[in-house]
C-alpha atoms as a PDB file:
ATOM      1  CA  MET A   1      29.590  11.644   4.417  1.00  0.00           C
ATOM      2  CA  ALA A   2      26.720   8.870   5.030  1.00  0.00           C
ATOM      3  CA  GLY A   3      25.347   7.312   1.952  1.00  0.00           C
ATOM      4  CA  LYS A   4      21.534   7.410   1.281  1.00  0.00           C
ATOM      5  CA  GLY A   5      19.409   5.632   3.787  1.00  0.00           C
ATOM      6  CA  ILE A   6      17.243   2.478   2.758  1.00  0.00           C
ATOM      7  CA  LEU A   7      13.282   2.598   3.169  1.00  0.00           C
ATOM      8  CA  LEU A   8      12.247  -0.517   5.136  1.00  0.00           C
ATOM      9  CA  VAL A   9       8.497  -1.412   4.745  1.00  0.00           C
ATOM     10  CA  VAL A  10       7.537  -3.970   7.493  1.00  0.00           C
ATOM     11  CA  SER A  11       4.169  -5.673   7.176  1.00  0.00           C
ATOM     12  CA  GLY A  12       2.817  -8.965   9.357  1.00  0.00           C
ATOM     13  CA  PHE A  13      -0.186 -10.227  10.982  1.00  0.00           C
ATOM     14  CA  SER A  14      -1.888  -8.441  13.592  1.00  0.00           C
ATOM     15  CA  GLY A  15      -0.163 -10.009  16.855  1.00  0.00           C
ATOM     16  CA  ALA A  16       3.075 -10.516  14.986  1.00  0.00           C
ATOM     17  CA  GLY A  17       5.076  -8.192  17.145  1.00  0.00           C
ATOM     18  CA  LYS A  18       5.564  -5.197  14.545  1.00  0.00           C
ATOM     19  CA  GLY A  19       5.198  -2.439  17.320  1.00  0.00           C
ATOM     20  CA  THR A  20       7.431  -4.046  19.705  1.00  0.00           C
ATOM     21  CA  LEU A  21      10.298  -4.963  17.000  1.00  0.00           C
ATOM     22  CA  LEU A  22      10.228  -1.351  15.581  1.00  0.00           C
ATOM     23  CA  GLN A  23      10.295   0.064  19.249  1.00  0.00           C
ATOM     24  CA  LYS A  24      13.463  -2.186  20.071  1.00  0.00           C
ATOM     25  CA  LEU A  25      15.183  -1.327  16.812  1.00  0.00           C
ATOM     26  CA  LEU A  26      14.902   2.266  17.387  1.00  0.00           C
ATOM     27  CA  GLU A  27      16.039   1.974  21.091  1.00  0.00           C
ATOM     28  CA  LYS A  28      19.055  -0.033  20.195  1.00  0.00           C
ATOM     29  CA  TYR A  29      20.148   1.876  16.895  1.00  0.00           C
ATOM     30  CA  ASP A  30      20.352   5.514  15.970  1.00  0.00           C
ATOM     31  CA  THR A  31      20.455   4.930  12.414  1.00  0.00           C
ATOM     32  CA  TYR A  32      16.846   4.122  12.166  1.00  0.00           C
ATOM     33  CA  VAL A  33      13.846   6.441  12.016  1.00  0.00           C
ATOM     34  CA  LEU A  34      10.046   5.477  11.835  1.00  0.00           C
ATOM     35  CA  SER A  35       8.001   7.207   9.227  1.00  0.00           C
ATOM     36  CA  ILE A  36       5.230   9.448  10.466  1.00  0.00           C
ATOM     37  CA  SER A  37       1.957   8.750   8.861  1.00  0.00           C
ATOM     38  CA  ALA A  38      -0.848  11.724   8.267  1.00  0.00           C
ATOM     39  CA  THR A  39      -4.100  10.999   9.297  1.00  0.00           C
ATOM     40  CA  THR A  40      -7.621  12.790   9.616  1.00  0.00           C
ATOM     41  CA  ARG A  41      -8.631  10.875  12.792  1.00  0.00           C
ATOM     42  CA  SER A  42      -8.484  12.821  15.960  1.00  0.00           C
ATOM     43  CA  PRO A  43      -5.656  12.634  18.321  1.00  0.00           C
ATOM     44  CA  ARG A  44      -5.847  10.183  21.097  1.00  0.00           C
ATOM     45  CA  GLU A  45      -5.003  10.957  24.675  1.00  0.00           C
ATOM     46  CA  GLY A  46      -1.276  11.683  24.947  1.00  0.00           C
ATOM     47  CA  GLU A  47      -0.702  11.572  21.203  1.00  0.00           C
ATOM     48  CA  VAL A  48       1.297  14.683  19.607  1.00  0.00           C
ATOM     49  CA  ASP A  49       1.093  16.128  16.178  1.00  0.00           C
ATOM     50  CA  GLY A  50       4.405  15.196  14.602  1.00  0.00           C
ATOM     51  CA  ARG A  51       5.320  12.506  16.973  1.00  0.00           C
ATOM     52  CA  GLU A  52       2.893   9.541  16.498  1.00  0.00           C
ATOM     53  CA  TYR A  53       0.954  11.281  13.285  1.00  0.00           C
ATOM     54  CA  PHE A  54       0.683  14.171  11.395  1.00  0.00           C
ATOM     55  CA  PHE A  55      -2.861  15.122  12.080  1.00  0.00           C
ATOM     56  CA  ARG A  56      -4.717  16.976   9.365  1.00  0.00           C
ATOM     57  CA  SER A  57      -8.208  17.864   8.531  1.00  0.00           C
ATOM     58  CA  ARG A  58      -9.957  16.142   5.811  1.00  0.00           C
ATOM     59  CA  GLU A  59      -9.620  19.229   3.677  1.00  0.00           C
ATOM     60  CA  GLU A  60      -5.881  19.535   4.178  1.00  0.00           C
ATOM     61  CA  PHE A  61      -5.377  15.651   3.613  1.00  0.00           C
ATOM     62  CA  GLU A  62      -7.147  15.945   0.245  1.00  0.00           C
ATOM     63  CA  ALA A  63      -5.057  18.956  -0.782  1.00  0.00           C
ATOM     64  CA  MET A  64      -2.086  16.624   0.171  1.00  0.00           C
ATOM     65  CA  ILE A  65      -3.390  14.074  -2.237  1.00  0.00           C
ATOM     66  CA  ALA A  66      -4.084  16.521  -4.973  1.00  0.00           C
ATOM     67  CA  ALA A  67      -0.745  17.950  -4.725  1.00  0.00           C
ATOM     68  CA  GLY A  68       0.899  14.585  -4.953  1.00  0.00           C
ATOM     69  CA  GLU A  69       2.568  14.739  -1.470  1.00  0.00           C
ATOM     70  CA  LEU A  70       1.777  11.449  -0.518  1.00  0.00           C
ATOM     71  CA  ILE A  71       3.490   8.194  -1.342  1.00  0.00           C
ATOM     72  CA  GLU A  72       0.401   6.237  -0.517  1.00  0.00           C
ATOM     73  CA  TYR A  73      -2.717   6.614   1.290  1.00  0.00           C
ATOM     74  CA  ALA A  74      -5.880   4.706   1.990  1.00  0.00           C
ATOM     75  CA  CYS A  75      -9.035   5.191   3.736  1.00  0.00           C
ATOM     76  CA  TYR A  76     -10.068   3.100   6.944  1.00  0.00           C
ATOM     77  CA  VAL A  77     -13.265   3.347   9.012  1.00  0.00           C
ATOM     78  CA  GLY A  78     -14.028   6.764   7.411  1.00  0.00           C
ATOM     79  CA  ASN A  79     -10.325   8.270   8.314  1.00  0.00           C
ATOM     80  CA  TYR A  80      -7.573   8.740   5.578  1.00  0.00           C
ATOM     81  CA  TYR A  81      -4.096   7.315   6.425  1.00  0.00           C
ATOM     82  CA  GLY A  82      -0.900   8.213   4.244  1.00  0.00           C
ATOM     83  CA  THR A  83       2.639   8.466   3.993  1.00  0.00           C
ATOM     84  CA  PRO A  84       4.066  12.049   3.358  1.00  0.00           C
ATOM     85  CA  LYS A  85       6.815  11.845   0.603  1.00  0.00           C
ATOM     86  CA  ALA A  86       8.770  14.936   1.784  1.00  0.00           C
ATOM     87  CA  TYR A  87       9.539  13.585   5.509  1.00  0.00           C
ATOM     88  CA  VAL A  88      10.596   9.984   4.137  1.00  0.00           C
ATOM     89  CA  GLU A  89      12.951  11.474   1.457  1.00  0.00           C
ATOM     90  CA  GLU A  90      14.404  14.109   3.748  1.00  0.00           C
ATOM     91  CA  GLN A  91      15.494  11.279   6.188  1.00  0.00           C
ATOM     92  CA  LEU A  92      16.763   9.187   3.645  1.00  0.00           C
ATOM     93  CA  ALA A  93      18.880  11.999   2.042  1.00  0.00           C
ATOM     94  CA  LEU A  94      20.310  12.413   5.713  1.00  0.00           C
ATOM     95  CA  GLY A  95      21.687   8.678   5.594  1.00  0.00           C
ATOM     96  CA  LYS A  96      18.706   7.417   8.013  1.00  0.00           C
ATOM     97  CA  ASP A  97      17.166   4.075   7.368  1.00  0.00           C
ATOM     98  CA  VAL A  98      13.383   5.058   7.312  1.00  0.00           C
ATOM     99  CA  ILE A  99      10.891   2.244   8.812  1.00  0.00           C
ATOM    100  CA  LEU A 100       7.327   2.113   7.663  1.00  0.00           C
ATOM    101  CA  GLU A 101       4.897  -0.101   9.188  1.00  0.00           C
ATOM    102  CA  ILE A 102       2.057  -0.691   6.963  1.00  0.00           C
ATOM    103  CA  GLU A 103      -0.345  -3.433   5.193  1.00  0.00           C
ATOM    104  CA  ILE A 104       0.141  -5.292   2.146  1.00  0.00           C
ATOM    105  CA  GLN A 105      -1.350  -3.088  -0.438  1.00  0.00           C
ATOM    106  CA  GLY A 106       0.300   0.080   0.939  1.00  0.00           C
ATOM    107  CA  ALA A 107       3.490  -2.094   0.915  1.00  0.00           C
ATOM    108  CA  ARG A 108       2.960  -2.728  -3.038  1.00  0.00           C
ATOM    109  CA  LYS A 109       2.393   0.965  -3.649  1.00  0.00           C
ATOM    110  CA  ILE A 110       5.727   1.955  -1.952  1.00  0.00           C
ATOM    111  CA  LYS A 111       7.582  -0.552  -3.781  1.00  0.00           C
ATOM    112  CA  GLU A 112       6.289   0.901  -7.184  1.00  0.00           C
ATOM    113  CA  CYS A 113       7.398   4.510  -6.088  1.00  0.00           C
ATOM    114  CA  TYR A 114      10.682   3.305  -4.465  1.00  0.00           C
ATOM    115  CA  PRO A 115      12.135   0.033  -6.340  1.00  0.00           C
ATOM    116  CA  ASP A 116      15.059  -0.115  -4.208  1.00  0.00           C
ATOM    117  CA  SER A 117      12.986   0.031  -0.992  1.00  0.00           C
ATOM    118  CA  VAL A 118      13.175  -3.378   1.464  1.00  0.00           C
ATOM    119  CA  LEU A 119       9.768  -5.213   2.133  1.00  0.00           C
ATOM    120  CA  LEU A 120       9.628  -7.178   4.988  1.00  0.00           C
ATOM    121  CA  PHE A 121       7.219  -9.496   6.441  1.00  0.00           C
ATOM    122  CA  LEU A 122       6.835 -10.417  10.171  1.00  0.00           C
ATOM    123  CA  SER A 123       5.426 -13.450  11.276  1.00  0.00           C
ATOM    124  CA  PRO A 124       4.858 -15.526  14.537  1.00  0.00           C
ATOM    125  CA  PRO A 125       6.314 -19.238  14.357  1.00  0.00           C
ATOM    126  CA  SER A 126       2.972 -20.650  13.924  1.00  0.00           C
ATOM    127  CA  ALA A 127      -0.777 -19.975  13.626  1.00  0.00           C
ATOM    128  CA  GLU A 128      -1.607 -21.129  17.232  1.00  0.00           C
ATOM    129  CA  GLU A 129       0.888 -18.750  18.544  1.00  0.00           C
ATOM    130  CA  LEU A 130      -0.635 -16.087  16.543  1.00  0.00           C
ATOM    131  CA  ARG A 131      -3.976 -16.888  18.182  1.00  0.00           C
ATOM    132  CA  ARG A 132      -2.400 -17.083  21.654  1.00  0.00           C
ATOM    133  CA  ARG A 133      -0.904 -13.507  21.355  1.00  0.00           C
ATOM    134  CA  LEU A 134      -4.264 -12.041  20.125  1.00  0.00           C
ATOM    135  CA  THR A 135      -6.129 -13.791  23.092  1.00  0.00           C
ATOM    136  CA  GLY A 136      -3.466 -12.935  25.475  1.00  0.00           C
ATOM    137  CA  ARG A 137      -3.677  -8.953  24.726  1.00  0.00           C
ATOM    138  CA  GLY A 138      -6.913  -9.142  26.840  1.00  0.00           C
ATOM    139  CA  THR A 139      -8.016  -5.760  25.168  1.00  0.00           C
ATOM    140  CA  GLU A 140     -10.235  -7.322  22.303  1.00  0.00           C
ATOM    141  CA  SER A 141     -13.457  -9.367  21.960  1.00  0.00           C
ATOM    142  CA  MET A 142     -13.434 -12.753  20.608  1.00  0.00           C
ATOM    143  CA  GLU A 143     -15.333 -11.579  17.468  1.00  0.00           C
ATOM    144  CA  VAL A 144     -12.456  -8.741  16.723  1.00  0.00           C
ATOM    145  CA  ILE A 145      -9.859 -11.610  17.557  1.00  0.00           C
ATOM    146  CA  GLU A 146     -11.558 -13.972  15.006  1.00  0.00           C
ATOM    147  CA  ASN A 147     -11.684 -11.123  12.383  1.00  0.00           C
ATOM    148  CA  ARG A 148      -8.175 -10.554  12.845  1.00  0.00           C
ATOM    149  CA  LEU A 149      -7.442 -14.326  12.226  1.00  0.00           C
ATOM    150  CA  SER A 150      -9.524 -14.294   9.244  1.00  0.00           C
ATOM    151  CA  ARG A 151      -7.717 -11.383   7.884  1.00  0.00           C
ATOM    152  CA  ALA A 152      -4.375 -13.097   8.479  1.00  0.00           C
ATOM    153  CA  ALA A 153      -5.533 -15.744   6.387  1.00  0.00           C
ATOM    154  CA  GLN A 154      -6.025 -13.282   3.397  1.00  0.00           C
ATOM    155  CA  GLU A 155      -2.816 -11.367   4.172  1.00  0.00           C
ATOM    156  CA  ALA A 156      -0.646 -14.867   3.831  1.00  0.00           C
ATOM    157  CA  GLN A 157      -1.597 -14.817   0.354  1.00  0.00           C
ATOM    158  CA  GLY A 158       0.721 -11.914  -0.419  1.00  0.00           C
ATOM    159  CA  ILE A 159       3.881 -12.843   1.641  1.00  0.00           C
ATOM    160  CA  GLU A 160       5.876 -13.451  -1.594  1.00  0.00           C
ATOM    161  CA  ASP A 161       5.720 -10.037  -2.794  1.00  0.00           C
ATOM    162  CA  TYR A 162       7.919  -9.346   0.114  1.00  0.00           C
ATOM    163  CA  ASP A 163      11.980  -9.517   0.183  1.00  0.00           C
ATOM    164  CA  TYR A 164      12.156 -10.977   3.381  1.00  0.00           C
ATOM    165  CA  PHE A 165      10.005 -13.214   5.712  1.00  0.00           C
ATOM    166  CA  VAL A 166      11.071 -13.051   9.209  1.00  0.00           C
ATOM    167  CA  ILE A 167       9.755 -15.227  12.055  1.00  0.00           C
ATOM    168  CA  ASN A 168       9.501 -13.323  15.287  1.00  0.00           C
ATOM    169  CA  ASP A 169       9.953 -16.255  18.022  1.00  0.00           C
ATOM    170  CA  ASN A 170      12.266 -14.366  20.130  1.00  0.00           C
ATOM    171  CA  ILE A 171      12.339 -10.893  20.003  1.00  0.00           C
ATOM    172  CA  GLU A 172      15.901  -9.821  20.658  1.00  0.00           C
ATOM    173  CA  ASP A 173      17.116 -12.280  18.105  1.00  0.00           C
ATOM    174  CA  CYS A 174      14.397 -10.867  15.611  1.00  0.00           C
ATOM    175  CA  VAL A 175      15.726  -7.262  16.385  1.00  0.00           C
ATOM    176  CA  GLN A 176      19.233  -8.323  15.582  1.00  0.00           C
ATOM    177  CA  GLN A 177      18.146 -10.392  12.258  1.00  0.00           C
ATOM    178  CA  VAL A 178      16.411  -7.424  10.876  1.00  0.00           C
ATOM    179  CA  HIS A 179      19.254  -5.015  11.783  1.00  0.00           C
ATOM    180  CA  GLN A 180      21.606  -7.561   9.777  1.00  0.00           C
ATOM    181  CA  ILE A 181      19.463  -7.651   6.954  1.00  0.00           C
ATOM    182  CA  LEU A 182      19.696  -3.777   6.499  1.00  0.00           C
ATOM    183  CA  GLU A 183      23.357  -3.827   7.194  1.00  0.00           C
ATOM    184  CA  SER A 184      23.697  -6.341   4.213  1.00  0.00           C
ATOM    185  CA  GLU A 185      21.562  -4.398   2.103  1.00  0.00           C
ATOM    186  CA  HIS A 186      23.806  -1.322   2.534  1.00  0.00           C
ATOM    187  CA  SER A 187      26.489  -3.499   1.027  1.00  0.00           C
ATOM    188  CA  ARG A 188      24.754  -4.345  -2.263  1.00  0.00           C
ATOM    189  CA  SER A 189      26.459  -3.264  -5.172  1.00  0.00           C
ATOM    190  CA  PHE A 190      23.622  -1.172  -6.996  1.00  0.00           C
ATOM    191  CA  ARG A 191      23.480   1.041  -3.556  1.00  0.00           C
ATOM    192  CA  ASN A 192      27.233   1.815  -3.849  1.00  0.00           C
ATOM    193  CA  GLY A 193      27.683   3.220  -7.544  1.00  0.00           C
ATOM    194  CA  GLU A 194      29.628   6.289  -6.280  1.00  0.00           C
ATOM    195  CA  ARG A 195      32.024   4.097  -4.111  1.00  0.00           C
ATOM    196  CA  ILE A 196      32.513   1.607  -6.786  1.00  0.00           C
ATOM    197  CA  GLY A 197      33.178   4.315  -9.420  1.00  0.00           C
ATOM    198  CA  LYS A 198      35.865   5.924  -7.033  1.00  0.00           C
ATOM    199  CA  ILE A 199      37.628   2.644  -6.281  1.00  0.00           C
ATOM    200  CA  ARG A 200      37.305   1.638  -9.947  1.00  0.00           C
ATOM    201  CA  GLU A 201      39.022   4.885 -11.268  1.00  0.00           C
ATOM    202  CA  GLU A 202      41.824   4.626  -8.333  1.00  0.00           C
ATOM    203  CA  VAL A 203      42.779   0.942  -9.211  1.00  0.00           C
ATOM    204  CA  GLY A 204      42.562   2.167 -13.062  1.00  0.00           C
ATOM    205  CA  LYS A 205      45.946   4.003 -12.509  1.00  0.00           C
ATOM    206  CA  PHE A 206      47.529   0.725 -11.867  1.00  0.00           C
ATOM    207  CA  GLN A 207      46.651  -0.603 -15.268  1.00  0.00           C
ATOM    208  CA  LYS A 208      49.627  -1.074 -17.494  1.00  0.00           C
END
């Protein structure tokens, strides 16, 4: 029987490669699932309810808040975004490691609710590389890029709140490193109380 899964919270600067990292982790290993957020924003072309997001009306979302059905939530540019508790806990109970991509304030709230969750901060190897990646996308104005870089300076102040700091220089190496972190976390003694109790009982029979 599979043990309980681990909740992995991934944060990082815009341009650090969080989306690519998570996509490759999910492609390579079947033990991971991505947490699906609920939102009040309208679906974009190609997005499906229950796949990219759980799309909800403002009234439905506020009812979820009132009922305590969200681990955390926030309002961005007039729309709510939040993490449904039921989906996360269902996947963890199935032994799946649930990955949640979220910003620093949300990550802190998750750690309060789930003290055994693992917080990981992803960063490019340098500030110049961060700038290069953001400009290399070619999808945003320089004003937006400068705003993202300014936000990165603020986000850098909270990195010590995370359990792990991972540099994304080579994406394949990064994927392997994150997988190894989760493998090691599964071996920590506080996550193995039942197994420890069983082996302790078995070897106890040898005591003279």
